[in-house]
Amino acid sequence: MIFGLRVIREDSQSLSWSDLLFREVIGRFIHRVFFIAVLLYLFVAFTTEKQGIHDMIGNTRVVIEK
């Protein structure tokens, strides 16, 4: 919120707590289990929607709120 960022669902429905928890659990699991996953943050720079792996799995994305 401080940076004007917001997490939204890909299908434009309202975001639920289960969506956020799933996104966070998947993201933390990937980055803790796989040591090389730190490099996956670079993956965001090369995707068209600027999504991380956890966003792709969770069908979410981060947008700038205007």
N, C-alpha and C. Protein backbone atom coordinates (compact mmCIF):
# COMPACT_ATOMS: atom_id res chain seq x y z
N MET A 1 0.81 -1.19 0.00
CA MET A 1 0.00 0.00 0.00
C MET A 1 0.86 1.26 0.00
N ILE A 2 1.96 1.20 0.70
CA ILE A 2 2.85 2.36 0.78
C ILE A 2 3.39 2.71 -0.60
N PHE A 3 3.71 1.69 -1.38
CA PHE A 3 4.29 1.90 -2.70
C PHE A 3 3.24 2.00 -3.80
N GLY A 4 1.96 1.92 -3.47
CA GLY A 4 0.90 2.01 -4.45
C GLY A 4 0.71 0.73 -5.25
N LEU A 5 1.06 -0.41 -4.67
CA LEU A 5 0.93 -1.69 -5.35
C LEU A 5 -0.28 -2.44 -4.81
N ARG A 6 -0.88 -3.24 -5.69
CA ARG A 6 -2.05 -4.01 -5.30
C ARG A 6 -2.01 -5.38 -5.97
N VAL A 7 -2.42 -6.41 -5.27
CA VAL A 7 -2.50 -7.76 -5.82
C VAL A 7 -3.92 -7.97 -6.31
N ILE A 8 -4.06 -8.43 -7.56
CA ILE A 8 -5.38 -8.70 -8.13
C ILE A 8 -5.40 -10.10 -8.73
N ARG A 9 -6.58 -10.63 -8.94
CA ARG A 9 -6.73 -11.93 -9.58
C ARG A 9 -6.73 -11.76 -11.10
N GLU A 10 -6.30 -12.78 -11.80
CA GLU A 10 -6.25 -12.75 -13.26
C GLU A 10 -7.64 -12.65 -13.87
N ASP A 11 -8.63 -13.27 -13.23
CA ASP A 11 -9.99 -13.30 -13.80
C ASP A 11 -10.84 -12.11 -13.35
N SER A 12 -10.25 -11.12 -12.75
CA SER A 12 -10.89 -9.86 -12.33
C SER A 12 -11.96 -10.03 -11.26
N GLN A 13 -12.03 -11.19 -10.63
CA GLN A 13 -12.95 -11.35 -9.51
C GLN A 13 -12.28 -10.78 -8.27
N SER A 14 -13.08 -10.60 -7.22
CA SER A 14 -12.51 -10.04 -6.00
C SER A 14 -11.55 -11.04 -5.36
N LEU A 15 -10.53 -10.51 -4.77
CA LEU A 15 -9.48 -11.31 -4.15
C LEU A 15 -9.95 -11.77 -2.77
N SER A 16 -9.74 -13.03 -2.47
CA SER A 16 -10.13 -13.56 -1.16
C SER A 16 -8.89 -13.85 -0.33
N TRP A 17 -9.10 -14.08 0.96
CA TRP A 17 -7.99 -14.40 1.84
C TRP A 17 -7.33 -15.70 1.43
N SER A 18 -8.13 -16.66 0.93
CA SER A 18 -7.54 -17.94 0.51
C SER A 18 -6.62 -17.74 -0.69
N ASP A 19 -6.95 -16.81 -1.58
CA ASP A 19 -6.07 -16.50 -2.72
C ASP A 19 -4.73 -15.95 -2.23
N LEU A 20 -4.79 -15.02 -1.29
CA LEU A 20 -3.57 -14.42 -0.76
C LEU A 20 -2.73 -15.42 0.01
N LEU A 21 -3.37 -16.24 0.82
CA LEU A 21 -2.63 -17.25 1.58
C LEU A 21 -1.98 -18.27 0.65
N PHE A 22 -2.71 -18.70 -0.37
CA PHE A 22 -2.16 -19.64 -1.34
C PHE A 22 -0.95 -19.04 -2.04
N ARG A 23 -1.06 -17.80 -2.46
CA ARG A 23 0.04 -17.10 -3.15
C ARG A 23 1.26 -17.01 -2.25
N GLU A 24 1.06 -16.63 -1.00
CA GLU A 24 2.17 -16.49 -0.07
C GLU A 24 2.80 -17.84 0.28
N VAL A 25 1.98 -18.84 0.53
CA VAL A 25 2.51 -20.17 0.89
C VAL A 25 3.32 -20.75 -0.26
N ILE A 26 2.78 -20.69 -1.47
CA ILE A 26 3.49 -21.20 -2.63
C ILE A 26 4.79 -20.43 -2.84
N GLY A 27 4.74 -19.12 -2.76
CA GLY A 27 5.94 -18.30 -2.95
C GLY A 27 7.02 -18.60 -1.93
N ARG A 28 6.64 -18.67 -0.69
CA ARG A 28 7.63 -18.95 0.36
C ARG A 28 8.17 -20.37 0.26
N PHE A 29 7.31 -21.33 -0.07
CA PHE A 29 7.74 -22.72 -0.22
C PHE A 29 8.78 -22.84 -1.33
N ILE A 30 8.50 -22.26 -2.49
CA ILE A 30 9.42 -22.34 -3.62
C ILE A 30 10.77 -21.74 -3.27
N HIS A 31 10.76 -20.58 -2.65
CA HIS A 31 12.01 -19.88 -2.37
C HIS A 31 12.78 -20.44 -1.18
N ARG A 32 12.14 -21.19 -0.33
CA ARG A 32 12.85 -21.81 0.79
C ARG A 32 13.37 -23.20 0.46
N VAL A 33 12.61 -23.95 -0.32
CA VAL A 33 12.99 -25.32 -0.64
C VAL A 33 14.10 -25.38 -1.68
N PHE A 34 13.99 -24.53 -2.68
CA PHE A 34 14.95 -24.55 -3.77
C PHE A 34 15.91 -23.37 -3.62
N PHE A 35 17.17 -23.67 -3.30
CA PHE A 35 18.16 -22.62 -3.06
C PHE A 35 18.34 -21.73 -4.28
N ILE A 36 18.30 -22.31 -5.47
CA ILE A 36 18.50 -21.55 -6.70
C ILE A 36 17.28 -20.67 -7.03
N ALA A 37 16.21 -20.83 -6.27
CA ALA A 37 14.99 -20.07 -6.52
C ALA A 37 15.19 -18.56 -6.34
N VAL A 38 16.24 -18.17 -5.66
CA VAL A 38 16.53 -16.74 -5.51
C VAL A 38 16.70 -16.12 -6.90
N LEU A 39 17.24 -16.88 -7.81
CA LEU A 39 17.40 -16.39 -9.17
C LEU A 39 16.07 -16.25 -9.91
N LEU A 40 15.02 -16.89 -9.40
CA LEU A 40 13.72 -16.79 -10.03
C LEU A 40 13.14 -15.38 -9.93
N TYR A 41 13.64 -14.59 -9.01
CA TYR A 41 13.21 -13.19 -8.95
C TYR A 41 13.59 -12.46 -10.24
N LEU A 42 14.65 -12.87 -10.87
CA LEU A 42 15.04 -12.29 -12.16
C LEU A 42 14.05 -12.66 -13.25
N PHE A 43 13.35 -13.77 -13.06
CA PHE A 43 12.36 -14.23 -14.02
C PHE A 43 11.27 -13.17 -14.24
N VAL A 44 10.95 -12.43 -13.20
CA VAL A 44 9.92 -11.40 -13.27
C VAL A 44 10.27 -10.34 -14.33
N ALA A 45 11.52 -10.01 -14.44
CA ALA A 45 11.95 -8.97 -15.38
C ALA A 45 11.71 -9.35 -16.83
N PHE A 46 11.62 -10.63 -17.12
CA PHE A 46 11.52 -11.07 -18.51
C PHE A 46 10.13 -11.54 -18.91
N THR A 47 9.15 -11.51 -18.01
CA THR A 47 7.79 -11.89 -18.38
C THR A 47 7.02 -10.64 -18.80
N THR A 48 6.06 -10.82 -19.68
CA THR A 48 5.31 -9.67 -20.20
C THR A 48 4.44 -9.02 -19.14
N GLU A 49 3.88 -9.81 -18.24
CA GLU A 49 3.01 -9.27 -17.19
C GLU A 49 3.76 -8.99 -15.89
N LYS A 50 5.10 -9.21 -15.90
CA LYS A 50 5.94 -9.01 -14.72
C LYS A 50 5.45 -9.84 -13.53
N GLN A 51 5.16 -11.11 -13.79
CA GLN A 51 4.68 -12.01 -12.75
C GLN A 51 5.79 -12.93 -12.28
N GLY A 52 5.79 -13.19 -10.99
CA GLY A 52 6.69 -14.19 -10.43
C GLY A 52 6.06 -15.58 -10.59
N ILE A 53 6.83 -16.60 -10.29
CA ILE A 53 6.34 -17.97 -10.38
C ILE A 53 5.12 -18.16 -9.48
N HIS A 54 5.16 -17.61 -8.26
CA HIS A 54 4.03 -17.76 -7.34
C HIS A 54 2.79 -17.05 -7.85
N ASP A 55 2.94 -15.96 -8.59
CA ASP A 55 1.79 -15.29 -9.19
C ASP A 55 1.19 -16.13 -10.32
N MET A 56 2.04 -16.75 -11.10
CA MET A 56 1.54 -17.60 -12.19
C MET A 56 0.77 -18.80 -11.65
N ILE A 57 1.29 -19.41 -10.59
CA ILE A 57 0.63 -20.56 -10.00
C ILE A 57 -0.67 -20.14 -9.32
N GLY A 58 -0.66 -19.01 -8.65
CA GLY A 58 -1.83 -18.53 -7.93
C GLY A 58 -2.81 -17.72 -8.76
N ASN A 59 -2.53 -17.53 -10.06
CA ASN A 59 -3.37 -16.73 -10.96
C ASN A 59 -3.62 -15.33 -10.42
N THR A 60 -2.55 -14.70 -9.97
CA THR A 60 -2.62 -13.33 -9.48
C THR A 60 -1.54 -12.51 -10.15
N ARG A 61 -1.62 -11.22 -9.96
CA ARG A 61 -0.55 -10.33 -10.40
C ARG A 61 -0.57 -9.06 -9.58
N VAL A 62 0.53 -8.37 -9.59
CA VAL A 62 0.67 -7.13 -8.83
C VAL A 62 0.59 -5.97 -9.81
N VAL A 63 -0.26 -5.00 -9.50
CA VAL A 63 -0.43 -3.83 -10.36
C VAL A 63 -0.16 -2.57 -9.57
N ILE A 64 0.11 -1.49 -10.28
CA ILE A 64 0.28 -0.19 -9.64
C ILE A 64 -1.10 0.44 -9.55
N GLU A 65 -1.48 0.80 -8.34
CA GLU A 65 -2.78 1.42 -8.12
C GLU A 65 -2.67 2.91 -8.33
N LYS A 66 -3.55 3.45 -9.13
CA LYS A 66 -3.50 4.89 -9.45
C LYS A 66 -4.56 5.66 -8.73
